[in-house]
Protein backbone atom coordinates (compact mmCIF):
# COMPACT_ATOMS: atom_id res chain seq x y z
CA MET A 1 -39.77 5.52 23.54
CA VAL A 2 -38.61 5.46 27.05
CA GLN A 3 -37.55 9.04 28.53
CA HIS A 4 -35.66 8.78 31.93
CA ASP A 5 -34.07 11.84 33.19
CA SER A 6 -32.02 9.78 35.11
CA SER A 7 -30.72 7.49 32.89
CA ASN A 8 -26.75 7.52 32.44
CA SER A 9 -25.80 8.71 28.55
CA GLY A 10 -22.77 6.42 29.18
CA ASP A 11 -24.50 2.83 30.36
CA GLU A 12 -21.63 3.04 33.23
CA ILE A 13 -23.86 1.67 36.02
CA SER A 14 -21.77 -1.30 37.03
CA VAL A 15 -24.50 -3.26 39.17
CA PRO A 16 -27.32 -5.18 37.52
CA ILE A 17 -30.29 -3.25 36.75
CA PRO A 18 -33.99 -4.93 35.77
CA VAL A 19 -35.09 -3.78 32.05
CA ILE A 20 -38.33 -3.98 30.56
CA LEU A 21 -38.16 -3.86 26.95
CA GLU A 22 -41.27 -1.93 26.31
CA ASN A 23 -40.45 -1.04 22.50
CA PRO A 24 -38.45 -3.86 21.76
CA ALA A 25 -37.04 -4.01 17.91
CA LYS A 26 -38.63 -4.55 15.29
CA GLY A 27 -35.95 -6.21 12.97
CA ILE A 28 -35.35 -5.37 9.48
CA GLU A 29 -34.72 -7.95 6.64
CA THR A 30 -30.95 -8.77 5.98
CA GLY A 31 -29.41 -6.64 3.02
CA LYS A 32 -26.19 -4.34 2.10
CA TYR A 33 -25.84 -2.42 4.90
CA ARG A 34 -22.90 -0.20 6.98
CA LEU A 35 -22.76 -0.75 10.33
CA VAL A 36 -22.20 2.73 12.27
CA GLY A 37 -21.31 3.28 15.71
CA TRP A 38 -22.62 6.01 17.03
CA GLY A 39 -23.61 8.35 20.19
CA ILE A 40 -24.48 11.94 21.43
CA ASP A 41 -24.02 14.30 24.55
CA THR A 42 -27.01 15.79 25.74
CA THR A 43 -28.19 18.41 28.37
CA GLY A 44 -30.44 16.03 28.99
CA ARG A 45 -32.70 12.86 28.71
CA ARG A 46 -35.99 14.27 27.06
CA LEU A 47 -37.07 15.09 23.67
CA ILE A 48 -36.72 18.77 24.49
CA ASP A 49 -33.45 18.47 25.74
CA GLU A 50 -30.43 19.94 23.34
CA ILE A 51 -27.52 17.73 21.88
CA VAL A 52 -24.11 18.85 22.46
CA GLN A 53 -22.13 16.66 20.54
CA ILE A 54 -22.25 13.80 17.72
CA ALA A 55 -20.14 11.42 16.94
CA ALA A 56 -19.93 8.21 14.68
CA TYR A 57 -17.73 5.65 13.93
CA THR A 58 -16.39 2.91 11.46
CA PRO A 59 -12.75 1.59 11.83
CA GLN A 60 -12.15 4.02 8.49
CA SER A 61 -13.89 6.43 9.08
CA LYS A 62 -14.64 9.12 12.30
CA PHE A 63 -17.08 11.58 13.24
CA SER A 64 -17.30 14.06 15.94
CA GLN A 65 -18.60 17.52 16.16
CA TYR A 66 -19.58 19.75 19.24
CA ILE A 67 -22.75 21.89 19.27
CA MET A 68 -22.96 25.31 21.69
CA PRO A 69 -26.53 24.60 23.58
CA PHE A 70 -28.76 27.85 24.26
CA ALA A 71 -29.31 26.24 27.91
CA ASP A 72 -26.21 25.59 30.12
CA LEU A 73 -25.73 22.14 31.30
CA ASN A 74 -26.87 21.26 34.78
CA PRO A 75 -24.00 19.86 37.12
CA THR A 76 -24.92 16.24 36.52
CA TYR A 77 -24.54 16.51 32.61
CA SER A 78 -21.68 18.57 33.21
CA ARG A 79 -19.89 15.76 35.05
CA ARG A 80 -21.44 13.09 32.98
CA HIS A 81 -19.71 14.45 29.62
CA SER A 82 -17.19 16.36 31.36
CA ILE A 83 -17.53 19.53 29.43
CA ARG A 84 -18.72 22.99 30.48
CA VAL A 85 -20.17 25.98 28.87
CA ILE A 86 -18.40 28.89 30.15
CA ASN A 87 -20.31 32.46 29.84
CA THR A 88 -18.65 35.77 29.57
CA VAL A 89 -20.03 39.48 28.52
CA ARG A 90 -19.13 39.02 24.69
CA TYR A 91 -19.32 35.19 23.75
CA ARG A 92 -20.18 31.21 25.17
CA ARG A 93 -17.78 28.92 24.95
CA LEU A 94 -17.48 24.78 25.70
CA LYS A 95 -15.16 23.66 27.51
CA ASP A 96 -13.59 20.66 27.88
CA LEU A 97 -13.07 20.23 31.57
CA ASN A 98 -10.49 16.63 30.46
CA THR A 99 -8.22 18.64 28.62
CA ASN A 100 -9.07 21.82 30.14
CA GLN A 101 -9.19 23.16 26.34
CA TYR A 102 -12.25 25.17 24.41
CA VAL A 103 -13.90 23.18 21.92
CA LYS A 104 -14.81 24.05 18.69
CA THR A 105 -18.58 24.38 17.92
CA LYS A 106 -21.29 24.85 15.30
CA SER A 107 -24.88 25.53 15.33
CA GLU A 108 -26.96 22.42 15.51
CA ILE A 109 -28.11 22.68 12.22
CA SER A 110 -24.49 22.96 10.55
CA ALA A 111 -23.61 20.14 12.71
CA LEU A 112 -26.63 18.11 11.81
CA GLN A 113 -25.83 18.65 8.01
CA ASP A 114 -22.34 17.98 8.70
CA PHE A 115 -23.15 14.23 10.17
CA LEU A 116 -25.77 14.01 6.93
CA GLN A 117 -23.05 14.84 4.42
CA TRP A 118 -20.91 12.45 6.86
CA LEU A 119 -23.33 9.56 6.66
CA GLU A 120 -23.79 9.98 2.91
CA THR A 121 -20.28 9.57 2.10
CA VAL A 122 -19.60 6.53 4.05
CA LYS A 123 -22.81 5.01 3.30
CA GLY A 124 -21.66 4.99 -0.72
CA ASP A 125 -22.69 3.54 -3.77
CA ASN A 126 -22.35 -0.05 -2.68
CA ALA A 127 -24.74 -0.13 0.83
CA ASP A 128 -28.43 -0.14 0.46
CA GLY A 129 -28.61 2.17 4.02
CA ILE A 130 -26.51 2.43 7.09
CA ILE A 131 -27.63 1.15 10.54
CA LEU A 132 -26.57 3.13 13.61
CA ILE A 133 -25.72 1.10 16.91
CA TYR A 134 -25.64 2.97 19.94
CA HIS A 135 -25.55 1.34 23.80
CA GLU A 136 -28.31 2.65 26.53
CA ILE A 137 -30.05 1.10 29.21
CA ARG A 138 -32.58 3.35 28.54
CA LYS A 139 -33.26 4.31 25.17
CA ALA A 140 -33.82 7.99 24.33
CA SER A 141 -31.13 9.16 22.16
CA PRO A 142 -32.62 7.92 18.87
CA GLY A 143 -35.70 10.07 19.33
CA MET A 144 -33.47 13.25 20.25
CA LEU A 145 -31.68 12.84 17.16
CA LEU A 146 -34.88 12.43 14.92
CA GLU A 147 -36.42 15.35 16.98
CA ALA A 148 -33.46 17.39 15.96
CA LEU A 149 -33.40 16.19 12.62
CA ARG A 150 -36.91 17.32 12.43
CA ARG A 151 -36.90 20.69 13.59
CA TYR A 152 -34.88 21.65 10.43
CA GLN A 153 -36.50 19.40 7.91
CA LEU A 154 -33.75 16.96 7.69
CA ILE A 155 -35.95 14.03 8.60
CA ASP A 156 -36.21 12.98 4.61
CA ARG A 157 -32.65 13.25 3.96
CA PHE A 158 -32.00 11.49 7.29
CA THR A 159 -33.76 8.47 5.87
CA ASN A 160 -32.83 8.04 2.63
CA VAL A 161 -29.21 7.03 4.34
CA VAL A 162 -30.10 5.36 7.31
CA LYS A 163 -32.09 2.27 7.47
CA GLY A 164 -32.71 2.13 11.39
CA PHE A 165 -31.32 2.37 14.89
CA ALA A 166 -29.98 -1.10 17.12
CA ASN A 167 -29.04 -0.67 20.41
CA GLY A 168 -26.44 -2.65 21.59
CA PHE A 169 -27.34 -3.21 25.32
CA ASN A 170 -30.27 -5.50 23.82
CA VAL A 171 -27.78 -7.35 21.80
CA ALA A 172 -25.34 -7.74 24.44
CA GLN A 173 -28.48 -8.63 27.09
CA ALA A 174 -30.06 -11.52 24.25
CA LYS A 175 -26.21 -13.06 23.37
CA CYS A 176 -24.32 -12.84 26.64
CA ALA A 177 -27.49 -13.48 29.61
CA ASN A 178 -25.41 -16.74 30.57
CA THR A 179 -22.30 -15.12 30.91
CA THR A 180 -23.22 -11.83 33.12
CA LYS A 181 -25.89 -10.05 34.56
CA SER A 182 -25.00 -6.42 33.96
CA PHE A 183 -24.57 -5.24 29.88
CA SER A 184 -23.73 -1.93 30.71
CA LEU A 185 -21.21 -0.45 27.96
CA ARG A 186 -18.75 -0.80 30.79
CA ILE A 187 -19.08 -3.91 32.01
CA MET A 188 -19.31 -5.23 28.08
CA SER A 189 -16.06 -3.39 27.30
CA LYS A 190 -14.40 -5.22 29.93
CA VAL A 191 -15.45 -8.73 29.27
CA LEU A 192 -15.71 -8.62 25.96
CA LEU A 193 -12.91 -6.32 24.74
CA ASN A 194 -10.41 -6.86 27.68
CA LYS A 195 -10.35 -2.74 28.25
CA GLU A 196 -10.37 -2.01 31.64
CA ASP A 197 -10.76 1.54 33.05
CA GLU A 198 -12.31 3.02 29.91
CA ASN A 199 -13.68 6.83 29.79
CA PHE A 200 -17.25 6.60 28.19
CA SER A 201 -18.00 10.20 29.14
CA SER A 202 -17.54 11.24 25.74
CA ALA A 203 -19.85 10.45 23.11
CA VAL A 204 -16.78 9.41 20.84
CA ASP A 205 -15.66 6.44 23.15
CA ARG A 206 -18.97 5.41 23.38
CA ALA A 207 -19.57 5.24 19.62
CA ARG A 208 -16.39 3.29 18.93
CA THR A 209 -17.10 0.91 21.53
CA SER A 210 -20.54 0.52 20.67
CA PHE A 211 -19.15 -0.74 16.94
CA ASP A 212 -16.24 -2.87 18.33
CA ILE A 213 -18.39 -4.61 21.09
CA ALA A 214 -21.32 -5.62 18.01
CA ALA A 215 -18.50 -6.77 15.57
CA HIS A 216 -17.02 -8.83 18.76
CA LEU A 217 -20.12 -10.78 19.19
CA ALA A 218 -20.53 -10.95 15.43
CA GLN A 219 -17.36 -12.63 15.27
CA SER A 220 -18.13 -15.05 17.92
CA GLU A 221 -20.69 -16.39 16.26
CA ARG A 222 -18.63 -17.09 13.71
CA MET A 223 -16.15 -19.04 16.05
CA ASP A 224 -13.69 -16.36 14.38
CA LEU A 225 -12.15 -14.21 16.91
CA GLY A 226 -8.48 -14.07 15.10
CA LYS A 227 -9.56 -11.35 12.86
CA PRO A 228 -9.26 -7.80 15.21
CA SER A 229 -12.21 -5.36 14.45
CA GLU A 230 -9.79 -2.81 13.19
CA GLU A 231 -9.91 -4.65 9.62
CA LEU A 232 -13.41 -4.66 9.54
CA THR A 233 -15.04 -2.34 7.50
CA GLY A 234 -18.81 -2.61 8.89
CA ILE A 235 -20.56 -4.03 5.75
CA GLU A 236 -19.31 -7.75 6.49
CA SER A 237 -22.25 -10.14 5.73
CA HIS A 238 -22.26 -11.97 8.92
CA ILE A 239 -22.18 -8.44 11.18
CA ILE A 240 -24.85 -7.20 9.52
CA ASP A 241 -26.93 -10.25 9.68
CA PHE A 242 -26.23 -10.71 13.17
CA VAL A 243 -27.67 -6.74 13.63
CA CYS A 244 -30.50 -6.63 11.66
CA PRO A 245 -32.42 -8.85 13.88
CA PHE A 246 -31.97 -6.08 16.51
CA THR A 247 -32.36 -2.61 14.32
CA ASN A 248 -35.95 -0.61 14.83
CA PRO A 249 -36.58 0.83 11.52
CA ILE A 250 -37.25 4.86 11.45
CA SER A 251 -40.46 4.23 10.84
CA ALA A 252 -40.75 2.25 14.15
CA GLU A 253 -38.97 4.95 16.27
CA GLU A 254 -40.91 7.57 14.90
CA GLU A 255 -44.23 5.94 15.85
CA GLU A 256 -42.62 5.42 19.24
CA ILE A 257 -42.08 9.05 19.56
CA ALA A 258 -45.87 9.99 18.45
CA VAL A 259 -47.31 7.68 21.19
CA PHE A 260 -44.91 8.94 24.02
CA LYS A 261 -46.39 12.63 23.00
CA VAL A 262 -49.57 11.50 22.89
CA ARG A 263 -48.98 9.73 26.32
CA PHE A 264 -47.58 13.14 27.32
CA LEU A 265 -50.34 15.55 26.37
CA LYS A 266 -52.47 13.25 28.34
CA ASP A 267 -51.11 13.04 31.25
CA VAL A 268 -50.51 16.87 30.98
CA PHE A 269 -54.18 17.82 29.71
CA GLY A 270 -56.04 15.12 31.09
CA PRO A 271 -59.32 15.25 32.86
CA SER A 272 -58.22 16.42 36.49
CA LYS A 273 -59.23 14.59 39.07
CA ASN A 274 -60.36 15.22 42.82
CA LEU A 275 -60.54 18.74 42.11
CA ILE A 276 -61.64 20.99 45.07
CA CYS A 277 -63.62 24.34 44.54
């Protein structure tokens, strides 16, 4: 579990960044899974920070829900996600800075329950589980989601639906190393999808693009680029077989969180050195 408060949730950095994969995905066995693009907007990148928006995408169905955080967004993350908490005497509201409109919000538990219900519907009876694919240079989102689910005893319901998380950055890094030296979401969208000047401030756009990039790379492995991504469903065997080696199961994510917490506690409460009495 890598936590860097300076990371960019949109992964829009266009210069090459040296990345050490401290916790590479363990992979899962192939099966009848459904690939779902996924992203979150947050108040920060630490486990204790709050989720402000959850978004998910398949070509046939989409999910998006804003959450009213307890804390205000600092200026950095307000600009990054183009949203701002507006405080008045009587209420708090969330404002989209791109449209200058207020957005409808829910409590964290209500949003998580809606997200789980959507995942259960999308999974259906024909799939063994869902693989959530996101795109981050420095991984943080899976741990933040799992911690939020744990607060409301929703982990078991989540693991009954979701098989694991796949980081599209790792996929792009493995498959496009000979083509480009930068694997951010913006660069991959430009190189693979021919999309210029995309705005990835919203989790909605990152979720959609994460799915499209993975589908494009899976199609290119088959040399079958004639079928556009909108005709895909996310359950095609070649896509699932392509993504499974890059998927980290929920149990592995939980282990990473536990290790991170132990290291953090050791740093905070470990034996002090060179104390001056």
